[in-house]
Protein backbone atom coordinates (compact mmCIF):
# COMPACT_ATOMS: atom_id res chain seq x y z
CA MET A 1 51.90 62.04 -104.40
CA VAL A 2 48.30 62.98 -103.69
CA ARG A 3 46.38 60.88 -101.17
CA SER A 4 42.81 60.14 -102.12
CA VAL A 5 39.96 61.61 -100.16
CA GLY A 6 38.54 58.17 -99.64
CA ASN A 7 41.79 56.94 -98.00
CA ASP A 8 41.84 59.99 -95.73
CA ALA A 9 38.30 59.35 -94.62
CA THR A 10 39.03 55.74 -93.86
CA THR A 11 42.18 56.50 -91.97
CA SER A 12 40.37 59.18 -89.95
CA PHE A 13 37.54 56.81 -89.14
CA LEU A 14 39.92 54.11 -87.99
CA TYR A 15 41.84 56.57 -85.85
CA LYS A 16 38.71 58.08 -84.24
CA TYR A 17 36.80 54.87 -83.53
CA PRO A 18 39.31 51.93 -83.21
CA LEU A 19 37.39 50.12 -80.52
CA ALA A 20 34.22 50.08 -82.68
CA ILE A 21 36.14 48.82 -85.70
CA VAL A 22 37.98 46.04 -83.74
CA TRP A 23 34.74 45.01 -81.94
CA GLY A 24 32.82 44.83 -85.27
CA LEU A 25 35.50 42.76 -87.08
CA LEU A 26 36.00 40.25 -84.24
CA VAL A 27 32.30 39.90 -83.46
CA SER A 28 31.48 39.42 -87.14
CA ALA A 29 33.71 36.35 -87.19
CA CYS A 30 32.06 34.98 -84.06
CA LEU A 31 28.54 35.61 -85.39
CA MET A 32 29.26 33.89 -88.67
CA PHE A 33 30.25 30.80 -86.72
CA LEU A 34 27.16 30.96 -84.52
CA VAL A 35 24.81 31.46 -87.50
CA ILE A 36 26.15 28.35 -89.19
CA ALA A 37 27.14 26.09 -86.33
CA THR A 38 24.10 26.59 -84.09
CA PRO A 39 21.51 24.11 -85.50
CA PRO A 40 18.29 25.62 -86.67
CA LEU A 41 15.87 26.97 -84.01
CA GLN A 42 18.30 26.06 -81.15
CA VAL A 43 18.19 29.46 -79.41
CA ALA A 44 15.65 29.95 -76.63
CA ASP A 45 12.19 30.71 -78.10
CA GLU A 46 13.64 30.91 -81.67
CA PRO A 47 10.86 28.84 -83.30
CA ASN A 48 8.24 31.20 -82.06
CA HIS A 49 10.32 34.30 -82.92
CA PHE A 50 10.84 32.89 -86.42
CA GLN A 51 7.09 32.34 -86.87
CA ARG A 52 6.37 35.91 -85.62
CA ALA A 53 8.94 37.21 -88.23
CA ILE A 54 7.17 35.22 -90.97
CA GLN A 55 3.85 36.70 -89.93
CA ILE A 56 5.30 40.23 -90.10
CA SER A 57 6.92 39.51 -93.51
CA GLN A 58 3.39 38.86 -94.78
CA GLY A 59 2.28 42.35 -93.74
CA GLN A 60 0.47 41.05 -90.62
CA LEU A 61 1.87 43.37 -87.95
CA ILE A 62 -0.91 42.51 -85.42
CA GLY A 63 -1.64 38.85 -84.68
CA HIS A 64 -4.87 36.93 -84.05
CA ARG A 65 -6.43 35.41 -80.96
CA PHE A 66 -7.72 31.99 -82.10
CA SER A 67 -9.24 30.98 -78.78
CA ALA A 68 -9.06 31.76 -75.03
CA SER A 69 -5.84 29.58 -74.86
CA ASP A 70 -4.07 30.29 -78.18
CA SER A 71 -2.99 33.17 -80.38
CA GLY A 72 -0.57 33.63 -83.25
CA GLY A 73 -0.93 34.02 -87.00
CA VAL A 74 -1.83 32.42 -90.34
CA ILE A 75 1.42 31.36 -92.02
CA PRO A 76 2.57 28.68 -94.55
CA GLU A 77 2.05 25.16 -93.29
CA ASP A 78 5.62 24.10 -94.13
CA SER A 79 7.02 26.90 -91.97
CA VAL A 80 5.08 25.44 -89.01
CA VAL A 81 6.56 22.01 -89.82
CA PHE A 82 10.02 23.60 -89.97
CA ALA A 83 9.52 25.37 -86.63
CA TYR A 84 9.13 22.09 -84.78
CA ARG A 85 11.43 19.95 -86.81
CA TYR A 86 14.26 20.01 -84.32
CA ASP A 87 12.30 19.93 -81.08
CA ASP A 88 13.83 16.57 -80.17
CA LEU A 89 17.19 18.34 -79.53
CA LYS A 90 15.76 20.65 -76.83
CA GLY A 91 17.11 19.72 -73.43
CA GLN A 92 18.60 16.45 -74.73
CA TYR A 93 22.32 16.99 -74.43
CA GLU A 94 23.15 13.51 -75.77
CA ARG A 95 21.39 14.13 -79.04
CA LYS A 96 23.53 15.44 -81.87
CA VAL A 97 22.98 16.64 -85.45
CA ASP A 98 24.85 16.37 -88.72
CA TRP A 99 24.67 18.28 -91.95
CA ASN A 100 22.73 15.50 -93.66
CA ARG A 101 19.87 15.97 -91.24
CA ILE A 102 19.88 19.71 -91.77
CA PHE A 103 20.26 19.93 -95.49
CA GLY A 104 19.26 16.37 -96.56
CA SER A 105 15.54 16.67 -95.73
CA ALA A 106 12.97 17.45 -98.33
CA PRO A 107 12.77 21.22 -99.06
CA LEU A 108 9.97 23.10 -97.33
CA SER A 109 8.26 25.69 -99.53
CA TRP A 110 6.85 29.12 -98.87
CA LYS A 111 4.08 28.34 -101.31
CA SER A 112 2.52 25.62 -99.14
CA PRO A 113 -1.08 26.18 -97.94
CA LYS A 114 -1.48 28.50 -95.00
CA ARG A 115 -2.75 27.49 -91.63
CA GLU A 116 -3.16 28.85 -88.12
CA ALA A 117 -0.08 28.64 -85.98
CA GLY A 118 0.11 29.35 -82.36
CA PHE A 119 2.97 31.40 -80.89
CA PRO A 120 1.30 33.35 -78.08
CA ASN A 121 4.46 34.35 -76.26
CA THR A 122 5.92 36.27 -79.28
CA VAL A 123 2.88 37.50 -81.15
CA ILE A 124 2.37 40.19 -78.57
CA TYR A 125 5.78 41.75 -79.32
CA SER A 126 6.10 44.94 -81.39
CA PRO A 127 7.23 44.21 -85.02
CA ILE A 128 10.03 46.74 -84.89
CA PHE A 129 12.93 44.53 -83.80
CA TYR A 130 11.80 41.66 -86.05
CA PHE A 131 12.46 43.72 -89.22
CA PRO A 132 16.10 42.55 -89.57
CA SER A 133 14.85 38.98 -89.67
CA VAL A 134 12.04 39.93 -92.03
CA VAL A 135 14.59 41.35 -94.45
CA GLY A 136 16.40 38.00 -94.56
CA ILE A 137 13.15 36.09 -95.04
CA GLU A 138 12.13 38.47 -97.88
CA VAL A 139 15.50 38.07 -99.60
CA GLY A 140 15.05 34.30 -99.36
CA LYS A 141 11.56 34.54 -100.96
CA ARG A 142 12.76 36.78 -103.76
CA LEU A 143 15.64 34.39 -104.50
CA HIS A 144 13.10 31.52 -104.52
CA GLU A 145 14.97 29.75 -101.69
CA ASP A 146 13.27 27.24 -99.41
CA ILE A 147 12.39 27.92 -95.82
CA LEU A 148 15.64 26.53 -94.38
CA LYS A 149 17.83 28.76 -96.49
CA SER A 150 15.61 31.71 -95.79
CA PHE A 151 15.92 30.96 -92.06
CA TYR A 152 19.73 31.17 -92.33
CA LEU A 153 19.44 34.48 -94.29
CA ALA A 154 17.16 35.80 -91.53
CA ARG A 155 19.83 34.96 -88.94
CA MET A 156 22.53 36.63 -91.03
CA SER A 157 20.44 39.71 -91.55
CA ASN A 158 19.86 39.92 -87.75
CA ALA A 159 23.58 39.56 -87.18
CA VAL A 160 24.52 42.33 -89.64
CA PHE A 161 21.99 44.73 -88.06
CA CYS A 162 23.36 44.05 -84.56
CA VAL A 163 26.98 44.47 -85.67
CA LEU A 164 26.27 47.79 -87.38
CA ALA A 165 24.17 49.10 -84.38
CA GLY A 166 26.82 47.93 -81.94
CA MET A 167 29.57 49.70 -83.89
CA PHE A 168 27.56 52.87 -84.09
CA ALA A 169 26.97 52.82 -80.34
CA LEU A 170 30.66 52.28 -79.57
CA ALA A 171 31.61 55.08 -82.00
CA ILE A 172 29.42 57.77 -80.46
CA VAL A 173 29.36 56.77 -76.74
CA ARG A 174 31.21 59.08 -74.36
CA GLN A 175 30.93 57.11 -71.08
CA GLY A 176 31.82 53.51 -70.22
CA ARG A 177 32.72 52.55 -73.77
CA LEU A 178 34.66 49.40 -72.65
CA ILE A 179 31.93 48.29 -70.32
CA ILE A 180 29.30 48.54 -72.93
CA ALA A 181 31.57 46.70 -75.43
CA ALA A 182 31.92 43.95 -72.74
CA PHE A 183 28.11 43.60 -72.42
CA LEU A 184 27.76 43.42 -76.19
CA SER A 185 30.52 40.79 -76.34
CA MET A 186 29.06 38.28 -73.82
CA PRO A 187 28.23 34.88 -75.35
CA MET A 188 24.52 35.41 -74.44
CA SER A 189 24.44 38.68 -76.41
CA LEU A 190 26.27 37.10 -79.36
CA SER A 191 23.98 34.07 -79.45
CA LEU A 192 20.91 36.34 -79.62
CA PHE A 193 22.55 38.50 -82.32
CA ALA A 194 23.04 35.34 -84.44
CA SER A 195 19.45 34.14 -84.06
CA CYS A 196 15.97 35.12 -85.28
CA SER A 197 15.06 36.49 -81.90
CA GLN A 198 14.01 40.04 -81.50
CA ASP A 199 16.15 40.12 -78.28
CA GLY A 200 19.38 40.56 -80.27
CA PRO A 201 18.31 43.74 -82.07
CA LEU A 202 16.66 44.97 -78.87
CA ILE A 203 19.96 44.69 -76.95
CA ALA A 204 21.84 46.48 -79.74
CA ALA A 205 19.21 49.19 -79.83
CA CYS A 206 19.63 49.62 -76.06
CA ALA A 207 23.36 50.14 -76.61
CA VAL A 208 22.65 52.86 -79.16
CA CYS A 209 20.05 54.49 -76.88
CA THR A 210 22.54 54.49 -73.98
CA ALA A 211 25.27 55.97 -76.19
CA LEU A 212 22.95 58.79 -77.33
CA MET A 213 22.09 59.51 -73.65
CA THR A 214 25.79 59.95 -72.92
CA ARG A 215 25.81 62.85 -75.36
CA LEU A 216 22.96 64.87 -73.75
CA ASN A 217 25.34 67.32 -72.25
CA ASP A 218 27.43 68.21 -75.29
CA ASP A 219 26.88 69.69 -78.71
CA PHE A 220 26.12 66.33 -80.29
CA CYS A 221 22.52 66.55 -79.10
CA LYS A 222 22.10 69.72 -81.16
CA ASN A 223 21.92 67.68 -84.35
CA ARG A 224 18.41 67.81 -85.86
CA TRP A 225 18.07 64.05 -85.88
CA PHE A 226 19.20 63.52 -82.31
CA TRP A 227 16.03 63.96 -80.29
CA PRO A 228 13.67 62.28 -82.82
CA THR A 229 16.06 59.36 -83.01
CA LEU A 230 16.34 59.03 -79.21
CA ALA A 231 12.57 59.30 -78.77
CA LEU A 232 11.91 56.70 -81.50
CA LEU A 233 14.46 54.28 -80.03
CA MET A 234 13.02 54.52 -76.49
CA GLY A 235 9.51 54.16 -77.88
CA CYS A 236 10.48 51.05 -79.79
CA ILE A 237 12.28 49.53 -76.76
CA ILE A 238 9.44 50.12 -74.35
CA ALA A 239 6.79 48.99 -76.86
CA SER A 240 8.67 45.67 -77.17
CA LYS A 241 9.40 45.34 -73.49
CA PRO A 242 6.90 47.40 -71.35
CA PRO A 243 8.76 46.63 -68.06
CA TYR A 244 11.50 48.95 -69.40
CA ILE A 245 9.10 51.90 -69.11
CA LEU A 246 11.27 53.68 -66.53
CA ILE A 247 14.06 54.30 -69.10
CA ALA A 248 11.82 56.88 -70.74
CA PHE A 249 12.55 59.14 -67.72
CA LEU A 250 16.32 59.02 -68.18
CA PRO A 251 16.52 61.96 -70.67
CA LEU A 252 14.62 64.10 -68.12
CA ILE A 253 17.18 63.14 -65.46
CA ILE A 254 20.34 63.54 -67.52
CA ALA A 255 19.60 66.40 -69.96
CA PRO A 256 20.50 69.96 -68.91
CA TRP A 257 17.65 72.31 -67.95
CA ALA A 258 17.86 74.16 -71.30
CA ALA A 259 16.78 70.99 -73.04
CA TRP A 260 13.94 69.98 -70.81
CA ARG A 261 11.26 70.47 -73.46
CA SER A 262 13.04 68.05 -75.81
CA ALA A 263 13.60 65.61 -72.97
CA ALA A 264 9.96 65.80 -71.93
CA GLY A 265 8.81 65.36 -75.52
CA ALA A 266 10.95 62.28 -75.90
CA CYS A 267 9.63 60.80 -72.65
CA VAL A 268 5.93 61.47 -73.63
CA PHE A 269 6.50 60.04 -77.13
CA ALA A 270 8.08 56.84 -75.76
CA ALA A 271 5.23 56.34 -73.26
CA LEU A 272 2.56 56.96 -75.93
CA ALA A 273 4.26 54.59 -78.36
CA ALA A 274 4.25 51.81 -75.73
CA LEU A 275 0.63 52.61 -74.79
CA ALA A 276 -0.44 52.53 -78.48
CA TRP A 277 1.14 49.09 -79.05
CA SER A 278 -0.36 47.80 -75.86
CA VAL A 279 -3.82 48.77 -77.03
CA MET A 280 -3.46 47.77 -80.64
CA GLY A 281 -1.06 44.84 -80.57
CA VAL A 282 -1.15 43.32 -77.10
CA HIS A 283 -4.76 43.67 -76.02
CA SER A 284 -6.09 41.86 -79.11
CA THR A 285 -3.73 38.87 -78.90
CA LYS A 286 -2.79 38.43 -75.24
CA ILE A 287 -3.92 35.18 -73.65
CA PRO A 288 -3.38 33.92 -70.10
CA PHE A 289 -0.26 31.77 -69.66
CA ARG A 290 -0.25 28.64 -67.51
CA SER A 291 -3.84 29.08 -66.41
CA LEU A 292 -4.00 25.41 -65.37
CA ASP A 293 -1.19 26.04 -62.89
CA ASP A 294 -3.21 28.76 -61.07
CA VAL A 295 -1.49 31.59 -62.90
CA ASP A 296 -3.82 34.59 -63.05
CA ALA A 297 -2.39 38.03 -63.72
CA ALA A 298 -5.33 39.94 -62.30
CA ARG A 299 -5.43 38.01 -59.02
CA GLN A 300 -1.68 38.14 -58.78
CA LEU A 301 -1.74 41.97 -59.20
CA HIS A 302 -4.32 42.09 -56.42
CA PHE A 303 -2.08 40.09 -54.24
CA VAL A 304 0.91 42.32 -54.98
CA LEU A 305 -1.09 45.50 -54.18
CA SER A 306 -2.59 43.92 -51.00
CA HIS A 307 0.75 42.55 -49.75
CA PRO A 308 3.53 44.95 -50.84
CA PHE A 309 5.99 43.78 -48.10
CA LYS A 310 5.33 40.17 -48.99
CA THR A 311 6.19 41.07 -52.66
CA ILE A 312 9.56 42.47 -51.49
CA THR A 313 10.18 39.27 -49.62
CA VAL A 314 9.38 37.30 -52.79
CA LEU A 315 11.90 39.41 -54.77
CA LEU A 316 14.65 38.89 -52.15
CA HIS A 317 13.93 35.15 -51.89
CA THR A 318 14.13 34.79 -55.68
CA VAL A 319 17.45 36.62 -55.77
CA ARG A 320 18.84 34.52 -52.97
CA VAL A 321 17.80 31.22 -54.62
CA SER A 322 18.46 32.11 -58.32
CA VAL A 323 21.26 34.63 -58.36
CA HIS A 324 23.97 32.20 -59.47
CA SER A 325 21.90 30.63 -62.28
CA LEU A 326 20.69 34.05 -63.49
CA MET A 327 24.26 35.34 -63.55
CA GLY A 328 25.33 32.37 -65.57
CA GLN A 329 22.51 32.88 -68.05
CA PHE A 330 23.29 36.62 -68.17
CA VAL A 331 26.80 35.90 -69.29
CA GLY A 332 25.76 32.99 -71.49
CA VAL A 333 24.09 29.62 -71.43
CA LEU A 334 23.60 28.72 -75.05
CA GLY A 335 21.01 26.72 -76.97
CA TRP A 336 17.76 26.26 -75.14
CA LEU A 337 19.59 27.21 -71.92
CA ASP A 338 20.94 23.66 -71.99
CA ALA A 339 24.52 24.29 -73.17
CA ARG A 340 26.62 25.78 -70.40
CA LEU A 341 29.97 27.24 -71.22
CA PRO A 342 33.04 25.79 -69.52
CA ASP A 343 33.20 26.61 -65.82
CA TRP A 344 36.59 28.28 -66.30
CA PHE A 345 35.00 30.77 -68.74
CA TYR A 346 32.60 32.18 -66.14
CA GLN A 347 35.51 32.82 -63.83
CA PHE A 348 37.39 34.44 -66.70
CA GLU A 349 34.40 36.67 -67.53
CA VAL A 350 34.29 37.87 -63.88
CA MET A 351 37.96 38.86 -64.11
CA PHE A 352 37.39 40.52 -67.49
CA PHE A 353 34.60 42.70 -66.12
CA ILE A 354 36.68 43.55 -63.11
CA LEU A 355 39.55 44.65 -65.30
CA ALA A 356 37.18 46.65 -67.53
CA GLY A 357 35.72 48.26 -64.45
CA ILE A 358 39.20 49.08 -63.04
CA PHE A 359 40.27 50.56 -66.32
CA SER A 360 37.06 52.54 -66.60
CA CYS A 361 37.82 54.14 -63.24
CA LEU A 362 40.46 56.15 -65.12
CA TYR A 363 37.56 58.08 -66.56
CA LEU A 364 35.79 58.83 -63.31
CA THR A 365 35.46 62.48 -62.35
CA GLY A 366 37.45 63.66 -59.38
CA LYS A 367 34.61 65.66 -57.91
CA ILE A 368 30.86 65.47 -58.21
CA GLY A 369 28.42 68.24 -57.14
CA ARG A 370 25.24 67.83 -55.23
CA GLU A 371 23.08 68.25 -58.30
CA GLU A 372 25.02 65.64 -60.25
CA LEU A 373 24.93 63.31 -57.28
CA LEU A 374 21.16 63.62 -57.20
CA ARG A 375 21.00 62.76 -60.86
CA LYS A 376 23.14 59.66 -60.42
CA ALA A 377 20.97 58.54 -57.48
CA LEU A 378 17.89 58.94 -59.67
CA ILE A 379 19.50 56.87 -62.46
CA PHE A 380 20.36 54.23 -59.93
CA CYS A 381 16.70 54.12 -58.83
CA VAL A 382 15.64 53.76 -62.48
CA SER A 383 18.01 50.84 -62.90
CA ILE A 384 16.82 49.11 -59.75
CA GLY A 385 13.25 49.90 -60.67
CA THR A 386 13.70 48.32 -64.16
CA VAL A 387 15.17 45.19 -62.77
CA SER A 388 12.30 44.96 -60.31
CA ALA A 389 9.75 45.61 -63.02
CA VAL A 390 11.14 42.90 -65.19
CA SER A 391 11.01 40.45 -62.33
CA LEU A 392 7.57 41.44 -61.22
CA SER A 393 6.15 41.14 -64.75
CA LEU A 394 7.14 37.48 -64.70
CA TYR A 395 5.53 37.22 -61.23
CA LEU A 396 2.28 38.54 -62.68
CA ILE A 397 2.07 36.52 -65.89
CA TRP A 398 4.09 33.34 -65.19
CA THR A 399 3.94 32.56 -61.46
CA PRO A 400 1.08 30.91 -59.50
CA VAL A 401 -0.86 33.38 -57.30
CA GLY A 402 0.86 34.04 -54.05
CA ASP A 403 3.93 31.90 -54.76
CA SER A 404 7.06 32.73 -52.78
CA TYR A 405 9.35 32.39 -55.88
CA ILE A 406 9.19 34.12 -59.24
CA GLY A 407 9.05 31.63 -62.09
CA GLY A 408 10.19 32.08 -65.71
CA LEU A 409 13.14 34.45 -65.06
CA GLN A 410 16.06 34.23 -67.47
CA GLY A 411 19.38 36.08 -67.24
CA ARG A 412 19.06 37.62 -70.70
CA TYR A 413 16.11 39.75 -69.54
CA TYR A 414 18.48 41.83 -67.56
CA ILE A 415 21.09 42.69 -70.21
CA PRO A 416 19.36 45.89 -71.38
CA SER A 417 19.08 47.35 -67.87
CA ALA A 418 22.78 46.46 -67.28
CA ILE A 419 23.67 48.45 -70.40
CA PHE A 420 21.66 51.50 -69.22
CA SER A 421 23.22 51.24 -65.81
CA VAL A 422 26.47 52.56 -67.29
CA LEU A 423 24.84 56.02 -67.08
CA ILE A 424 25.16 55.87 -63.29
CA PHE A 425 28.84 56.43 -63.25
CA PRO A 426 30.20 60.02 -63.49
CA PHE A 427 32.63 59.56 -66.42
CA VAL A 428 34.69 62.19 -68.25
CA SER A 429 35.76 61.96 -71.88
CA THR A 430 39.50 61.78 -71.35
CA PRO A 431 41.32 59.35 -68.94
CA HIS A 432 43.49 60.27 -66.02
CA PHE A 433 47.22 59.12 -65.87
CA LEU A 434 47.17 57.95 -69.51
CA SER A 435 47.22 59.63 -72.85
CA VAL A 436 44.20 59.12 -75.09
CA ALA A 437 46.20 57.07 -77.53
CA LYS A 438 47.44 54.72 -74.80
CA ALA A 439 43.99 54.43 -73.30
CA LYS A 440 42.56 53.36 -76.71
CA ALA A 441 45.36 50.79 -77.00
CA VAL A 442 44.61 49.29 -73.63
CA GLU A 443 40.86 49.19 -74.45
CA ILE A 444 41.54 47.38 -77.70
CA ALA A 445 43.89 44.89 -76.03
CA LEU A 446 41.46 44.06 -73.25
CA LEU A 447 38.49 43.72 -75.66
CA THR A 448 40.53 41.57 -78.07
CA VAL A 449 41.59 39.13 -75.39
CA GLY A 450 38.08 39.01 -73.94
CA LEU A 451 36.44 38.40 -77.30
CA TRP A 452 38.91 35.69 -78.44
CA VAL A 453 38.66 33.83 -75.20
CA GLY A 454 34.91 34.09 -75.37
CA PHE A 455 34.98 32.93 -79.02
CA GLY A 456 36.98 29.88 -78.00
CA ALA A 457 34.59 28.99 -75.25
CA ILE A 458 31.66 29.37 -77.65
CA VAL A 459 33.18 27.11 -80.28
CA GLN A 460 34.03 24.50 -77.64
CA THR A 461 30.46 24.62 -76.22
CA ILE A 462 28.61 24.51 -79.53
CA LEU A 463 30.66 21.71 -81.00
CA ALA A 464 30.35 19.57 -77.88
CA ARG A 465 26.66 20.25 -77.50
CA TYR A 466 25.39 19.67 -81.05
CA TRP A 467 28.01 18.00 -83.23
């Protein structure tokens, strides 16, 4: 009996990348639940992200500054009505929804007259990571669906992109595969994957970027597409989140000396892409935030430069005061950060990451040379610098001048830097003390348990919060 080529290819793929396949299947089920069961626009900043996606779907990649205190775009009036239709749920745990409220209201049309809409906190973002949502919106328009159904299509499109990107990352990564899978499986990550926020595709792209960087020292990086893809990914990530600028230097740190030209080219391209968007997209639309609360980025920058040691004190004080809440948000606080998961789940997640870390120790190298130790130290500095840059960016644009505490921080802002931090550890491709087959089985078992327990906690939380 002759086996078909297609069956051989499928079997080979399943054998080579079982963790990626299992993660993709289990996460797809969880994301389908989140897309449907999370009421419209009930993910942090999702209304403004959705309006930004609508603006981009109209071909308006760069927004408009309407006044000194507002910026955004010109979009259908009904879409603005939809964006604020469920605002009464935000922060009101006792308020619930039903299907009649969601689908029983009068349809909102894409053909309604256009009007100016303000979404100043998202109009400054690069359009790149909104394209998955834009695809869903365009499909809805082509099928002549109303805005609500197009919104759900946008969520589904975002989820599909994130699953495919996550599977690709887990298929090619050579270091810390289980840890990256754990980061991508956190309820916070999954909630963003199943929303219209650009943060979901951004996190998935960071996983792909990290996976590519784990291949800088083998033949995989000799593919023609490798360096252009890595450079483009870094450029897109930094353009969307400028505080991540330090990740552009990671290829220079990790790549062998023979590839320094390619690494330097990728670094320069990423920096130029971020600079180009800052000039074209941010400068023309950026407005001061919370100016009535004595927030002034220029004055705050002057304060930081004039009092560097005071700034360090501010960072440490913020960590001391907010570390527990930020860690909870990092793992997952759903909705508008008003739907905490059960307390037992946070304890479980700590144990899950500990077990993942212990298992990953089987891949640690026995010896590390001086040159490699220096590289790891530099990667550690990049990770700490990125975390600090994210925090200080909120100190500049969201915190009153000279305040002793950084306002506006949320745990999800640190997920990308956590994913890149996997590069710190000196991993090898094969485990110690276990065969490769047994190691893959343990990885799958741990991930399956972690995902199903997380799925259960998500279902319990969403149903209790909204239904």
